[in-house]
Amino acid sequence: MADDKEIVVEFLKSKSAAKSKFYFKDFLELFPDRGPRDVKKVLTKLINEEVLEFWSSGSTSMYGLKGAGKQSHAEGED
């Protein structure tokens, strides 16, 4: 799973100039040969390790690198 975590983090870092939060389906595209449950386990592990953060508006759920983007600064989550 260590390689899977690196894939996710590198993807987020490579896209960080464009946007800071991504939908779950964006991560499914990184692992086309894996099921949603396996991908969710990778994301959950990164959240538990405080590498990623989960953001939800109630109707939309997104993932991003912890501390990245405008939302975390606006809510004082630094």
N, C-alpha and C. Protein backbone atom coordinates (compact mmCIF):
# COMPACT_ATOMS: atom_id res chain seq x y z
N MET A 1 0.83 -1.20 0.00
CA MET A 1 0.00 0.00 0.00
C MET A 1 0.87 1.26 0.00
N ALA A 2 2.14 1.13 0.40
CA ALA A 2 3.02 2.30 0.42
C ALA A 2 3.13 2.92 -0.96
N ASP A 3 3.24 2.10 -1.99
CA ASP A 3 3.32 2.62 -3.35
C ASP A 3 2.01 3.32 -3.73
N ASP A 4 0.89 2.77 -3.31
CA ASP A 4 -0.41 3.38 -3.60
C ASP A 4 -0.51 4.76 -2.97
N LYS A 5 -0.03 4.88 -1.74
CA LYS A 5 -0.07 6.18 -1.06
C LYS A 5 0.80 7.19 -1.80
N GLU A 6 1.96 6.76 -2.28
CA GLU A 6 2.85 7.65 -3.02
C GLU A 6 2.19 8.12 -4.32
N ILE A 7 1.47 7.23 -4.98
CA ILE A 7 0.77 7.58 -6.22
C ILE A 7 -0.24 8.68 -5.96
N VAL A 8 -1.01 8.55 -4.88
CA VAL A 8 -2.02 9.55 -4.53
C VAL A 8 -1.37 10.89 -4.21
N VAL A 9 -0.33 10.88 -3.38
CA VAL A 9 0.33 12.12 -2.97
C VAL A 9 0.98 12.81 -4.17
N GLU A 10 1.64 12.04 -5.04
CA GLU A 10 2.27 12.63 -6.22
C GLU A 10 1.22 13.23 -7.16
N PHE A 11 0.09 12.55 -7.31
CA PHE A 11 -1.00 13.07 -8.13
C PHE A 11 -1.46 14.42 -7.59
N LEU A 12 -1.69 14.51 -6.29
CA LEU A 12 -2.17 15.75 -5.68
C LEU A 12 -1.13 16.87 -5.81
N LYS A 13 0.13 16.54 -5.60
CA LYS A 13 1.17 17.55 -5.72
C LYS A 13 1.29 18.06 -7.16
N SER A 14 1.14 17.16 -8.13
CA SER A 14 1.27 17.56 -9.54
C SER A 14 0.12 18.45 -9.98
N LYS A 15 -1.02 18.35 -9.32
CA LYS A 15 -2.20 19.13 -9.68
C LYS A 15 -2.41 20.33 -8.76
N SER A 16 -1.55 20.53 -7.79
CA SER A 16 -1.78 21.54 -6.75
C SER A 16 -1.87 22.97 -7.29
N ALA A 17 -1.24 23.25 -8.43
CA ALA A 17 -1.32 24.61 -8.99
C ALA A 17 -2.71 24.90 -9.53
N ALA A 18 -3.40 23.86 -9.99
CA ALA A 18 -4.72 24.03 -10.59
C ALA A 18 -5.84 24.01 -9.55
N LYS A 19 -5.81 23.01 -8.67
CA LYS A 19 -6.83 22.93 -7.62
C LYS A 19 -6.32 22.10 -6.46
N SER A 20 -6.98 22.24 -5.31
CA SER A 20 -6.48 21.58 -4.10
C SER A 20 -7.36 20.43 -3.62
N LYS A 21 -8.59 20.34 -4.10
CA LYS A 21 -9.51 19.28 -3.66
C LYS A 21 -10.00 18.48 -4.87
N PHE A 22 -10.15 17.18 -4.67
CA PHE A 22 -10.55 16.30 -5.76
C PHE A 22 -11.65 15.35 -5.31
N TYR A 23 -12.49 14.97 -6.26
CA TYR A 23 -13.57 14.02 -6.00
C TYR A 23 -13.02 12.61 -5.90
N PHE A 24 -13.75 11.74 -5.24
CA PHE A 24 -13.36 10.34 -5.10
C PHE A 24 -13.14 9.70 -6.47
N LYS A 25 -13.99 10.03 -7.44
CA LYS A 25 -13.87 9.43 -8.77
C LYS A 25 -12.52 9.77 -9.44
N ASP A 26 -11.94 10.91 -9.08
CA ASP A 26 -10.62 11.28 -9.62
C ASP A 26 -9.56 10.28 -9.18
N PHE A 27 -9.69 9.77 -7.97
CA PHE A 27 -8.73 8.80 -7.47
C PHE A 27 -8.97 7.41 -8.05
N LEU A 28 -10.21 7.10 -8.38
CA LEU A 28 -10.51 5.82 -9.02
C LEU A 28 -9.77 5.71 -10.35
N GLU A 29 -9.63 6.84 -11.04
CA GLU A 29 -8.93 6.86 -12.32
C GLU A 29 -7.44 6.56 -12.18
N LEU A 30 -6.88 6.80 -11.00
CA LEU A 30 -5.47 6.49 -10.76
C LEU A 30 -5.22 4.98 -10.65
N PHE A 31 -6.26 4.26 -10.26
CA PHE A 31 -6.15 2.80 -10.05
C PHE A 31 -7.24 2.09 -10.86
N PRO A 32 -7.14 2.09 -12.18
CA PRO A 32 -8.22 1.52 -13.01
C PRO A 32 -8.45 0.02 -12.80
N ASP A 33 -7.44 -0.68 -12.29
CA ASP A 33 -7.57 -2.12 -12.08
C ASP A 33 -8.05 -2.47 -10.66
N ARG A 34 -8.37 -1.46 -9.87
CA ARG A 34 -8.78 -1.69 -8.48
C ARG A 34 -10.22 -1.25 -8.28
N GLY A 35 -10.85 -1.85 -7.31
CA GLY A 35 -12.22 -1.50 -6.98
C GLY A 35 -12.30 -0.29 -6.07
N PRO A 36 -13.48 0.33 -5.98
CA PRO A 36 -13.66 1.50 -5.13
C PRO A 36 -13.29 1.27 -3.66
N ARG A 37 -13.56 0.09 -3.15
CA ARG A 37 -13.25 -0.20 -1.75
C ARG A 37 -11.75 -0.15 -1.49
N ASP A 38 -10.95 -0.68 -2.42
CA ASP A 38 -9.49 -0.64 -2.26
C ASP A 38 -8.96 0.79 -2.29
N VAL A 39 -9.50 1.60 -3.20
CA VAL A 39 -9.07 2.98 -3.31
C VAL A 39 -9.47 3.75 -2.05
N LYS A 40 -10.66 3.50 -1.54
CA LYS A 40 -11.13 4.17 -0.32
C LYS A 40 -10.21 3.83 0.86
N LYS A 41 -9.72 2.60 0.93
CA LYS A 41 -8.80 2.20 2.00
C LYS A 41 -7.50 3.00 1.95
N VAL A 42 -6.99 3.23 0.73
CA VAL A 42 -5.76 4.01 0.58
C VAL A 42 -6.00 5.44 1.06
N LEU A 43 -7.11 6.05 0.63
CA LEU A 43 -7.42 7.42 1.03
C LEU A 43 -7.64 7.53 2.54
N THR A 44 -8.34 6.57 3.11
CA THR A 44 -8.60 6.57 4.55
C THR A 44 -7.30 6.46 5.33
N LYS A 45 -6.39 5.62 4.87
CA LYS A 45 -5.10 5.48 5.55
C LYS A 45 -4.34 6.82 5.53
N LEU A 46 -4.37 7.50 4.39
CA LEU A 46 -3.68 8.80 4.28
C LEU A 46 -4.35 9.85 5.16
N ILE A 47 -5.66 9.79 5.31
CA ILE A 47 -6.37 10.71 6.21
C ILE A 47 -5.98 10.42 7.65
N ASN A 48 -5.95 9.16 8.02
CA ASN A 48 -5.58 8.77 9.39
C ASN A 48 -4.15 9.18 9.72
N GLU A 49 -3.28 9.19 8.71
CA GLU A 49 -1.88 9.60 8.90
C GLU A 49 -1.74 11.12 8.79
N GLU A 50 -2.84 11.80 8.60
CA GLU A 50 -2.91 13.26 8.49
C GLU A 50 -2.10 13.82 7.32
N VAL A 51 -2.04 13.04 6.24
CA VAL A 51 -1.42 13.50 5.00
C VAL A 51 -2.50 14.16 4.14
N LEU A 52 -3.68 13.54 4.12
CA LEU A 52 -4.82 14.08 3.39
C LEU A 52 -5.87 14.59 4.36
N GLU A 53 -6.78 15.41 3.82
CA GLU A 53 -7.95 15.81 4.60
C GLU A 53 -9.19 15.58 3.76
N PHE A 54 -10.27 15.29 4.45
CA PHE A 54 -11.56 15.05 3.84
C PHE A 54 -12.38 16.32 4.01
N TRP A 55 -13.04 16.75 2.95
CA TRP A 55 -13.88 17.95 3.01
C TRP A 55 -15.25 17.61 2.47
N SER A 56 -16.28 18.05 3.16
CA SER A 56 -17.64 17.81 2.71
C SER A 56 -18.49 19.05 2.90
N SER A 57 -19.29 19.35 1.88
CA SER A 57 -20.22 20.48 1.98
C SER A 57 -21.60 19.98 2.39
N GLY A 58 -21.73 18.69 2.56
CA GLY A 58 -23.02 18.09 2.85
C GLY A 58 -23.53 17.31 1.65
N SER A 59 -23.35 17.90 0.47
CA SER A 59 -23.78 17.22 -0.75
C SER A 59 -22.59 16.77 -1.59
N THR A 60 -21.42 17.35 -1.33
CA THR A 60 -20.22 17.03 -2.09
C THR A 60 -19.10 16.66 -1.13
N SER A 61 -18.37 15.59 -1.46
CA SER A 61 -17.23 15.18 -0.65
C SER A 61 -15.98 15.22 -1.51
N MET A 62 -14.91 15.76 -0.93
CA MET A 62 -13.66 15.89 -1.67
C MET A 62 -12.48 15.57 -0.76
N TYR A 63 -11.35 15.31 -1.40
CA TYR A 63 -10.11 14.99 -0.70
C TYR A 63 -9.01 15.91 -1.19
N GLY A 64 -8.09 16.25 -0.30
CA GLY A 64 -6.95 17.07 -0.68
C GLY A 64 -5.82 16.92 0.31
N LEU A 65 -4.65 17.46 -0.04
CA LEU A 65 -3.52 17.44 0.88
C LEU A 65 -3.84 18.31 2.08
N LYS A 66 -3.48 17.85 3.24
CA LYS A 66 -3.78 18.59 4.47
C LYS A 66 -3.11 19.96 4.43
N GLY A 67 -3.90 20.99 4.73
CA GLY A 67 -3.38 22.34 4.77
C GLY A 67 -3.29 23.04 3.43
N ALA A 68 -3.68 22.37 2.36
CA ALA A 68 -3.60 22.98 1.03
C ALA A 68 -4.93 23.62 0.66
N GLY A 69 -4.87 24.69 -0.06
CA GLY A 69 -6.09 25.33 -0.56
C GLY A 69 -6.64 26.40 0.34
N LYS A 70 -7.57 27.16 -0.19
CA LYS A 70 -8.15 28.29 0.51
C LYS A 70 -9.02 27.87 1.68
N GLN A 71 -9.73 26.76 1.55
CA GLN A 71 -10.68 26.34 2.57
C GLN A 71 -10.03 26.13 3.94
N SER A 72 -8.89 25.49 3.97
CA SER A 72 -8.27 25.22 5.27
C SER A 72 -7.83 26.51 5.96
N HIS A 73 -7.38 27.49 5.20
CA HIS A 73 -6.97 28.75 5.81
C HIS A 73 -8.19 29.54 6.29
N ALA A 74 -9.27 29.47 5.55
CA ALA A 74 -10.49 30.21 5.90
C ALA A 74 -11.11 29.68 7.18
N GLU A 75 -10.96 28.39 7.43
CA GLU A 75 -11.56 27.77 8.61
C GLU A 75 -10.57 27.65 9.76
N GLY A 76 -9.38 28.18 9.60
CA GLY A 76 -8.38 28.14 10.67
C GLY A 76 -7.90 26.76 11.00
N GLU A 77 -7.75 25.89 10.00
CA GLU A 77 -7.34 24.51 10.25
C GLU A 77 -5.84 24.30 10.12
N ASP A 78 -5.06 25.36 10.10
CA ASP A 78 -3.62 25.22 9.91
C ASP A 78 -2.97 24.45 11.03
